[in-house]
Amino acid sequence: MTMPLINWWAVLVAGISSFVVGGIWYSPGLFGKAWMKDNNFTEEEIRKGNKGKVFGFTLIFSLLMAVNLAMFLSTPADCPPQCAAKTDITWGAIAGLLAGIWTFSAIAIHSLFELKPWRLIFINGFYSVVALILMGAIIGAWR
């Protein structure tokens, strides 16, 4: 990890992108209704929830994910051949995919012990995969 090689604007945009993807992913037009049903939530419970706290922490955690991914992708662009993969949009997206598989697996393990249905595991797990691929692509492209 090389802190001076981290583009903090890319980290900010990547973190926000995850937040935006989540808004689309969990919208009623995509997976929101299935997610609510599998969690046994009503629309009233969702409306009454503390949205400021939920969205605030969601943004913080999205930014933490982006910082973490940026640290893993902070290899120099002019890295000699013996270096690991050079960071670009492709490697960023691949690293995001690999991180997404990792988080998908953690979500699946927790959800299995909580006796959650497979549909919910896939909804939550693939959100993580998609969000991290996009975050990695943004960080990789914006070097």
N, C-alpha and C. Protein backbone atom coordinates (compact mmCIF):
# COMPACT_ATOMS: atom_id res chain seq x y z
N MET A 1 0.84 -1.17 0.00
CA MET A 1 0.00 0.00 0.00
C MET A 1 0.89 1.24 0.00
N THR A 2 0.58 2.15 -0.89
CA THR A 2 1.30 3.40 -0.97
C THR A 2 0.28 4.53 -0.89
N MET A 3 0.17 5.14 0.28
CA MET A 3 -0.85 6.17 0.51
C MET A 3 -0.79 7.33 -0.48
N PRO A 4 0.41 7.81 -0.88
CA PRO A 4 0.41 8.92 -1.83
C PRO A 4 -0.18 8.57 -3.19
N LEU A 5 -0.28 7.28 -3.51
CA LEU A 5 -0.83 6.88 -4.80
C LEU A 5 -2.35 6.74 -4.79
N ILE A 6 -2.97 6.97 -3.65
CA ILE A 6 -4.42 6.87 -3.57
C ILE A 6 -5.04 8.19 -4.04
N ASN A 7 -5.95 8.08 -4.99
CA ASN A 7 -6.68 9.25 -5.47
C ASN A 7 -7.93 9.37 -4.60
N TRP A 8 -7.90 10.34 -3.69
CA TRP A 8 -8.98 10.47 -2.72
C TRP A 8 -10.29 10.92 -3.36
N TRP A 9 -10.21 11.62 -4.48
CA TRP A 9 -11.44 11.96 -5.21
C TRP A 9 -12.08 10.69 -5.77
N ALA A 10 -11.26 9.77 -6.28
CA ALA A 10 -11.77 8.50 -6.79
C ALA A 10 -12.40 7.69 -5.65
N VAL A 11 -11.77 7.71 -4.49
CA VAL A 11 -12.32 7.01 -3.32
C VAL A 11 -13.69 7.59 -2.97
N LEU A 12 -13.79 8.89 -2.96
CA LEU A 12 -15.06 9.54 -2.63
C LEU A 12 -16.14 9.16 -3.64
N VAL A 13 -15.82 9.25 -4.94
CA VAL A 13 -16.79 8.91 -5.98
C VAL A 13 -17.15 7.43 -5.91
N ALA A 14 -16.16 6.56 -5.68
CA ALA A 14 -16.43 5.13 -5.57
C ALA A 14 -17.34 4.83 -4.38
N GLY A 15 -17.08 5.47 -3.26
CA GLY A 15 -17.93 5.27 -2.09
C GLY A 15 -19.36 5.72 -2.35
N ILE A 16 -19.51 6.86 -2.97
CA ILE A 16 -20.84 7.37 -3.30
C ILE A 16 -21.52 6.47 -4.32
N SER A 17 -20.74 5.91 -5.26
CA SER A 17 -21.32 5.03 -6.27
C SER A 17 -21.95 3.80 -5.63
N SER A 18 -21.31 3.27 -4.60
CA SER A 18 -21.87 2.11 -3.89
C SER A 18 -23.18 2.49 -3.21
N PHE A 19 -23.22 3.67 -2.67
CA PHE A 19 -24.42 4.19 -2.02
C PHE A 19 -25.55 4.32 -3.05
N VAL A 20 -25.22 4.83 -4.24
CA VAL A 20 -26.21 5.01 -5.31
C VAL A 20 -26.69 3.65 -5.84
N VAL A 21 -25.74 2.72 -6.05
CA VAL A 21 -26.11 1.38 -6.51
C VAL A 21 -27.07 0.74 -5.52
N GLY A 22 -26.81 0.90 -4.23
CA GLY A 22 -27.70 0.36 -3.22
C GLY A 22 -29.10 0.94 -3.30
N GLY A 23 -29.19 2.23 -3.58
CA GLY A 23 -30.50 2.87 -3.73
C GLY A 23 -31.28 2.29 -4.90
N ILE A 24 -30.59 2.01 -5.98
CA ILE A 24 -31.24 1.41 -7.15
C ILE A 24 -31.55 -0.07 -6.88
N TRP A 25 -30.56 -0.79 -6.36
CA TRP A 25 -30.67 -2.24 -6.13
C TRP A 25 -31.86 -2.58 -5.22
N TYR A 26 -32.01 -1.80 -4.15
CA TYR A 26 -33.06 -2.08 -3.17
C TYR A 26 -34.33 -1.27 -3.42
N SER A 27 -34.45 -0.68 -4.59
CA SER A 27 -35.67 0.05 -4.93
C SER A 27 -36.79 -0.94 -5.24
N PRO A 28 -38.05 -0.50 -5.11
CA PRO A 28 -39.17 -1.42 -5.40
C PRO A 28 -39.16 -1.93 -6.84
N GLY A 29 -38.58 -1.18 -7.77
CA GLY A 29 -38.54 -1.60 -9.15
C GLY A 29 -37.54 -2.70 -9.44
N LEU A 30 -36.58 -2.91 -8.53
CA LEU A 30 -35.58 -3.95 -8.76
C LEU A 30 -35.77 -5.07 -7.72
N PHE A 31 -35.08 -5.00 -6.60
CA PHE A 31 -35.16 -6.09 -5.62
C PHE A 31 -35.80 -5.68 -4.29
N GLY A 32 -36.24 -4.44 -4.18
CA GLY A 32 -36.76 -3.94 -2.92
C GLY A 32 -37.94 -4.71 -2.37
N LYS A 33 -38.90 -5.05 -3.22
CA LYS A 33 -40.09 -5.77 -2.74
C LYS A 33 -39.73 -7.17 -2.25
N ALA A 34 -38.88 -7.87 -2.99
CA ALA A 34 -38.46 -9.21 -2.58
C ALA A 34 -37.64 -9.14 -1.29
N TRP A 35 -36.75 -8.13 -1.20
CA TRP A 35 -35.93 -7.93 0.00
C TRP A 35 -36.83 -7.69 1.21
N MET A 36 -37.85 -6.83 1.05
CA MET A 36 -38.78 -6.55 2.15
C MET A 36 -39.53 -7.81 2.55
N LYS A 37 -40.01 -8.57 1.57
CA LYS A 37 -40.78 -9.78 1.87
C LYS A 37 -39.91 -10.80 2.61
N ASP A 38 -38.69 -11.02 2.14
CA ASP A 38 -37.81 -12.01 2.77
C ASP A 38 -37.34 -11.59 4.16
N ASN A 39 -37.37 -10.29 4.45
CA ASN A 39 -37.03 -9.80 5.78
C ASN A 39 -38.26 -9.60 6.67
N ASN A 40 -39.43 -9.89 6.11
CA ASN A 40 -40.70 -9.69 6.82
C ASN A 40 -40.88 -8.24 7.26
N PHE A 41 -40.49 -7.31 6.38
CA PHE A 41 -40.69 -5.88 6.64
C PHE A 41 -41.96 -5.41 5.96
N THR A 42 -42.63 -4.45 6.58
CA THR A 42 -43.75 -3.79 5.92
C THR A 42 -43.28 -2.43 5.43
N GLU A 43 -44.05 -1.86 4.52
CA GLU A 43 -43.69 -0.52 4.03
C GLU A 43 -43.74 0.49 5.17
N GLU A 44 -44.66 0.30 6.10
CA GLU A 44 -44.76 1.22 7.23
C GLU A 44 -43.51 1.14 8.12
N GLU A 45 -43.01 -0.07 8.35
CA GLU A 45 -41.78 -0.22 9.15
C GLU A 45 -40.61 0.48 8.47
N ILE A 46 -40.55 0.36 7.17
CA ILE A 46 -39.46 1.01 6.42
C ILE A 46 -39.59 2.53 6.52
N ARG A 47 -40.82 3.03 6.36
CA ARG A 47 -41.04 4.48 6.45
C ARG A 47 -40.71 5.02 7.84
N LYS A 48 -41.02 4.24 8.89
CA LYS A 48 -40.81 4.69 10.26
C LYS A 48 -39.36 4.55 10.71
N GLY A 49 -38.56 3.81 9.95
CA GLY A 49 -37.17 3.59 10.35
C GLY A 49 -36.37 4.88 10.42
N ASN A 50 -35.30 4.86 11.16
CA ASN A 50 -34.43 6.02 11.32
C ASN A 50 -33.54 6.16 10.08
N LYS A 51 -34.07 6.79 9.04
CA LYS A 51 -33.36 6.87 7.76
C LYS A 51 -32.06 7.65 7.84
N GLY A 52 -32.04 8.68 8.67
CA GLY A 52 -30.81 9.46 8.81
C GLY A 52 -29.66 8.59 9.32
N LYS A 53 -29.94 7.81 10.34
CA LYS A 53 -28.93 6.92 10.90
C LYS A 53 -28.53 5.84 9.89
N VAL A 54 -29.52 5.22 9.26
CA VAL A 54 -29.25 4.14 8.30
C VAL A 54 -28.44 4.67 7.12
N PHE A 55 -28.88 5.76 6.51
CA PHE A 55 -28.18 6.28 5.34
C PHE A 55 -26.83 6.87 5.72
N GLY A 56 -26.74 7.49 6.88
CA GLY A 56 -25.46 8.03 7.33
C GLY A 56 -24.42 6.94 7.52
N PHE A 57 -24.78 5.88 8.24
CA PHE A 57 -23.84 4.78 8.43
C PHE A 57 -23.55 4.04 7.12
N THR A 58 -24.55 3.94 6.26
CA THR A 58 -24.34 3.29 4.96
C THR A 58 -23.29 4.06 4.15
N LEU A 59 -23.39 5.37 4.15
CA LEU A 59 -22.40 6.16 3.43
C LEU A 59 -21.01 6.01 4.05
N ILE A 60 -20.94 6.02 5.36
CA ILE A 60 -19.64 5.84 6.03
C ILE A 60 -19.04 4.48 5.68
N PHE A 61 -19.84 3.42 5.76
CA PHE A 61 -19.31 2.09 5.44
C PHE A 61 -18.95 1.96 3.96
N SER A 62 -19.71 2.61 3.09
CA SER A 62 -19.37 2.60 1.66
C SER A 62 -18.03 3.28 1.42
N LEU A 63 -17.80 4.38 2.11
CA LEU A 63 -16.51 5.08 1.99
C LEU A 63 -15.37 4.24 2.56
N LEU A 64 -15.60 3.55 3.67
CA LEU A 64 -14.58 2.66 4.23
C LEU A 64 -14.23 1.53 3.26
N MET A 65 -15.25 0.99 2.59
CA MET A 65 -14.99 -0.05 1.59
C MET A 65 -14.14 0.50 0.46
N ALA A 66 -14.45 1.71 0.01
CA ALA A 66 -13.69 2.32 -1.08
C ALA A 66 -12.25 2.60 -0.67
N VAL A 67 -12.04 3.09 0.54
CA VAL A 67 -10.67 3.33 1.03
C VAL A 67 -9.90 2.02 1.08
N ASN A 68 -10.52 0.99 1.62
CA ASN A 68 -9.87 -0.31 1.72
C ASN A 68 -9.48 -0.84 0.34
N LEU A 69 -10.39 -0.76 -0.60
CA LEU A 69 -10.10 -1.23 -1.96
C LEU A 69 -9.01 -0.39 -2.61
N ALA A 70 -9.04 0.91 -2.40
CA ALA A 70 -8.00 1.79 -2.95
C ALA A 70 -6.63 1.45 -2.39
N MET A 71 -6.58 1.07 -1.13
CA MET A 71 -5.29 0.70 -0.53
C MET A 71 -4.73 -0.56 -1.20
N PHE A 72 -5.58 -1.50 -1.51
CA PHE A 72 -5.13 -2.71 -2.20
C PHE A 72 -4.71 -2.41 -3.64
N LEU A 73 -5.29 -1.39 -4.23
CA LEU A 73 -5.00 -1.06 -5.64
C LEU A 73 -3.95 0.03 -5.79
N SER A 74 -3.22 0.35 -4.75
CA SER A 74 -2.32 1.50 -4.79
C SER A 74 -0.92 1.17 -5.31
N THR A 75 -0.82 0.30 -6.29
CA THR A 75 0.48 0.05 -6.91
C THR A 75 0.80 1.17 -7.89
N PRO A 76 2.07 1.49 -8.07
CA PRO A 76 2.43 2.56 -9.01
C PRO A 76 2.03 2.21 -10.44
N ALA A 77 1.61 3.19 -11.20
CA ALA A 77 1.23 2.97 -12.60
C ALA A 77 2.43 2.51 -13.43
N ASP A 78 3.65 2.94 -13.06
CA ASP A 78 4.85 2.56 -13.81
C ASP A 78 5.59 1.41 -13.13
N CYS A 79 4.85 0.55 -12.48
CA CYS A 79 5.41 -0.58 -11.75
C CYS A 79 6.22 -1.47 -12.71
N PRO A 80 7.43 -1.89 -12.31
CA PRO A 80 8.23 -2.75 -13.18
C PRO A 80 7.55 -4.11 -13.38
N PRO A 81 7.99 -4.88 -14.36
CA PRO A 81 7.34 -6.15 -14.69
C PRO A 81 7.20 -7.13 -13.52
N GLN A 82 8.12 -7.12 -12.57
CA GLN A 82 8.03 -8.06 -11.46
C GLN A 82 6.96 -7.68 -10.44
N CYS A 83 6.36 -6.50 -10.58
CA CYS A 83 5.28 -6.07 -9.68
C CYS A 83 4.03 -6.90 -9.92
N ALA A 84 3.12 -6.77 -8.99
CA ALA A 84 1.80 -7.36 -9.17
C ALA A 84 1.12 -6.62 -10.32
N ALA A 85 -0.09 -6.99 -10.61
CA ALA A 85 -0.82 -6.37 -11.71
C ALA A 85 -0.85 -4.85 -11.58
N LYS A 86 -0.70 -4.18 -12.70
CA LYS A 86 -0.76 -2.72 -12.72
C LYS A 86 -2.23 -2.29 -12.57
N THR A 87 -2.43 -1.25 -11.81
CA THR A 87 -3.79 -0.80 -11.56
C THR A 87 -4.31 0.02 -12.72
N ASP A 88 -5.39 -0.46 -13.31
CA ASP A 88 -6.13 0.23 -14.35
C ASP A 88 -7.59 -0.16 -14.17
N ILE A 89 -8.44 0.24 -15.09
CA ILE A 89 -9.87 -0.04 -14.93
C ILE A 89 -10.14 -1.55 -14.87
N THR A 90 -9.42 -2.33 -15.68
CA THR A 90 -9.64 -3.77 -15.72
C THR A 90 -9.22 -4.41 -14.41
N TRP A 91 -8.00 -4.13 -13.94
CA TRP A 91 -7.55 -4.71 -12.69
C TRP A 91 -8.40 -4.21 -11.53
N GLY A 92 -8.83 -2.95 -11.57
CA GLY A 92 -9.70 -2.43 -10.52
C GLY A 92 -11.01 -3.21 -10.45
N ALA A 93 -11.61 -3.47 -11.62
CA ALA A 93 -12.87 -4.22 -11.65
C ALA A 93 -12.66 -5.66 -11.19
N ILE A 94 -11.54 -6.27 -11.59
CA ILE A 94 -11.25 -7.65 -11.16
C ILE A 94 -11.04 -7.69 -9.64
N ALA A 95 -10.27 -6.73 -9.12
CA ALA A 95 -10.07 -6.67 -7.66
C ALA A 95 -11.40 -6.46 -6.95
N GLY A 96 -12.27 -5.63 -7.53
CA GLY A 96 -13.60 -5.43 -6.96
C GLY A 96 -14.41 -6.71 -6.98
N LEU A 97 -14.32 -7.46 -8.06
CA LEU A 97 -15.01 -8.75 -8.15
C LEU A 97 -14.50 -9.71 -7.07
N LEU A 98 -13.19 -9.78 -6.92
CA LEU A 98 -12.62 -10.67 -5.90
C LEU A 98 -13.04 -10.25 -4.49
N ALA A 99 -13.03 -8.95 -4.23
CA ALA A 99 -13.50 -8.46 -2.93
C ALA A 99 -15.00 -8.75 -2.77
N GLY A 100 -15.74 -8.64 -3.86
CA GLY A 100 -17.17 -8.93 -3.82
C GLY A 100 -17.46 -10.39 -3.50
N ILE A 101 -16.65 -11.30 -4.06
CA ILE A 101 -16.81 -12.72 -3.73
C ILE A 101 -16.56 -12.94 -2.24
N TRP A 102 -15.55 -12.27 -1.73
CA TRP A 102 -15.22 -12.36 -0.31
C TRP A 102 -16.41 -11.90 0.55
N THR A 103 -16.95 -10.72 0.22
CA THR A 103 -18.06 -10.20 1.02
C THR A 103 -19.34 -11.00 0.80
N PHE A 104 -19.56 -11.48 -0.43
CA PHE A 104 -20.71 -12.34 -0.69
C PHE A 104 -20.66 -13.57 0.21
N SER A 105 -19.48 -14.16 0.32
CA SER A 105 -19.31 -15.35 1.16
C SER A 105 -19.61 -15.04 2.62
N ALA A 106 -19.13 -13.91 3.12
CA ALA A 106 -19.41 -13.52 4.51
C ALA A 106 -20.90 -13.30 4.72
N ILE A 107 -21.54 -12.61 3.78
CA ILE A 107 -22.98 -12.38 3.88
C ILE A 107 -23.72 -13.71 3.89
N ALA A 108 -23.31 -14.64 3.02
CA ALA A 108 -23.96 -15.95 2.94
C ALA A 108 -23.81 -16.72 4.25
N ILE A 109 -22.62 -16.72 4.81
CA ILE A 109 -22.40 -17.45 6.07
C ILE A 109 -23.29 -16.89 7.18
N HIS A 110 -23.29 -15.57 7.34
CA HIS A 110 -24.12 -14.96 8.39
C HIS A 110 -25.60 -15.27 8.15
N SER A 111 -26.02 -15.14 6.91
CA SER A 111 -27.43 -15.33 6.58
C SER A 111 -27.87 -16.78 6.75
N LEU A 112 -27.00 -17.72 6.46
CA LEU A 112 -27.35 -19.13 6.65
C LEU A 112 -27.59 -19.43 8.13
N PHE A 113 -26.76 -18.89 9.00
CA PHE A 113 -26.95 -19.10 10.42
C PHE A 113 -28.18 -18.36 10.95
N GLU A 114 -28.58 -17.30 10.27
CA GLU A 114 -29.79 -16.56 10.64
C GLU A 114 -31.03 -17.15 9.98
N LEU A 115 -30.85 -18.26 9.27
CA LEU A 115 -31.93 -18.98 8.59
C LEU A 115 -32.65 -18.13 7.55
N LYS A 116 -31.89 -17.28 6.87
CA LYS A 116 -32.45 -16.43 5.83
C LYS A 116 -32.62 -17.25 4.55
N PRO A 117 -33.60 -16.90 3.73
CA PRO A 117 -33.80 -17.63 2.47
C PRO A 117 -32.70 -17.31 1.45
N TRP A 118 -32.48 -18.26 0.54
CA TRP A 118 -31.43 -18.09 -0.47
C TRP A 118 -31.66 -16.86 -1.33
N ARG A 119 -32.91 -16.55 -1.62
CA ARG A 119 -33.17 -15.36 -2.45
C ARG A 119 -32.61 -14.11 -1.78
N LEU A 120 -32.77 -13.99 -0.48
CA LEU A 120 -32.25 -12.84 0.25
C LEU A 120 -30.72 -12.85 0.25
N ILE A 121 -30.15 -14.02 0.40
CA ILE A 121 -28.69 -14.13 0.35
C ILE A 121 -28.17 -13.64 -1.00
N PHE A 122 -28.83 -14.04 -2.08
CA PHE A 122 -28.40 -13.61 -3.41
C PHE A 122 -28.63 -12.11 -3.62
N ILE A 123 -29.76 -11.59 -3.14
CA ILE A 123 -30.02 -10.15 -3.29
C ILE A 123 -28.92 -9.35 -2.59
N ASN A 124 -28.66 -9.66 -1.33
CA ASN A 124 -27.65 -8.91 -0.57
C ASN A 124 -26.24 -9.19 -1.06
N GLY A 125 -25.94 -10.45 -1.34
CA GLY A 125 -24.59 -10.81 -1.77
C GLY A 125 -24.21 -10.22 -3.12
N PHE A 126 -25.12 -10.30 -4.09
CA PHE A 126 -24.79 -9.77 -5.41
C PHE A 126 -24.77 -8.24 -5.43
N TYR A 127 -25.53 -7.60 -4.52
CA TYR A 127 -25.38 -6.15 -4.39
C TYR A 127 -23.92 -5.82 -4.06
N SER A 128 -23.37 -6.55 -3.12
CA SER A 128 -21.99 -6.33 -2.70
C SER A 128 -21.03 -6.55 -3.86
N VAL A 129 -21.24 -7.60 -4.63
CA VAL A 129 -20.38 -7.89 -5.78
C VAL A 129 -20.45 -6.76 -6.80
N VAL A 130 -21.65 -6.36 -7.18
CA VAL A 130 -21.82 -5.31 -8.19
C VAL A 130 -21.23 -3.99 -7.70
N ALA A 131 -21.52 -3.63 -6.45
CA ALA A 131 -21.01 -2.37 -5.90
C ALA A 131 -19.49 -2.35 -5.88
N LEU A 132 -18.86 -3.45 -5.49
CA LEU A 132 -17.40 -3.49 -5.41
C LEU A 132 -16.74 -3.52 -6.78
N ILE A 133 -17.36 -4.17 -7.75
CA ILE A 133 -16.82 -4.13 -9.12
C ILE A 133 -16.81 -2.68 -9.61
N LEU A 134 -17.92 -1.98 -9.43
CA LEU A 134 -17.99 -0.57 -9.85
C LEU A 134 -16.98 0.28 -9.10
N MET A 135 -16.88 0.08 -7.79
CA MET A 135 -15.91 0.84 -7.00
C MET A 135 -14.49 0.59 -7.50
N GLY A 136 -14.15 -0.67 -7.73
CA GLY A 136 -12.81 -1.00 -8.23
C GLY A 136 -12.54 -0.40 -9.60
N ALA A 137 -13.53 -0.43 -10.47
CA ALA A 137 -13.38 0.15 -11.82
C ALA A 137 -13.14 1.66 -11.73
N ILE A 138 -13.87 2.33 -10.86
CA ILE A 138 -13.70 3.79 -10.70
C ILE A 138 -12.31 4.08 -10.16
N ILE A 139 -11.90 3.37 -9.11
CA ILE A 139 -10.58 3.60 -8.52
C ILE A 139 -9.47 3.27 -9.51
N GLY A 140 -9.63 2.17 -10.25
CA GLY A 140 -8.63 1.78 -11.23
C GLY A 140 -8.52 2.74 -12.41
N ALA A 141 -9.66 3.23 -12.86
CA ALA A 141 -9.67 4.12 -14.02
C ALA A 141 -9.15 5.51 -13.68
N TRP A 142 -9.39 5.95 -12.47
CA TRP A 142 -9.08 7.33 -12.07
C TRP A 142 -7.75 7.37 -11.33
N ARG A 143 -6.70 7.04 -12.03
CA ARG A 143 -5.35 6.98 -11.44
C ARG A 143 -4.59 8.23 -11.74
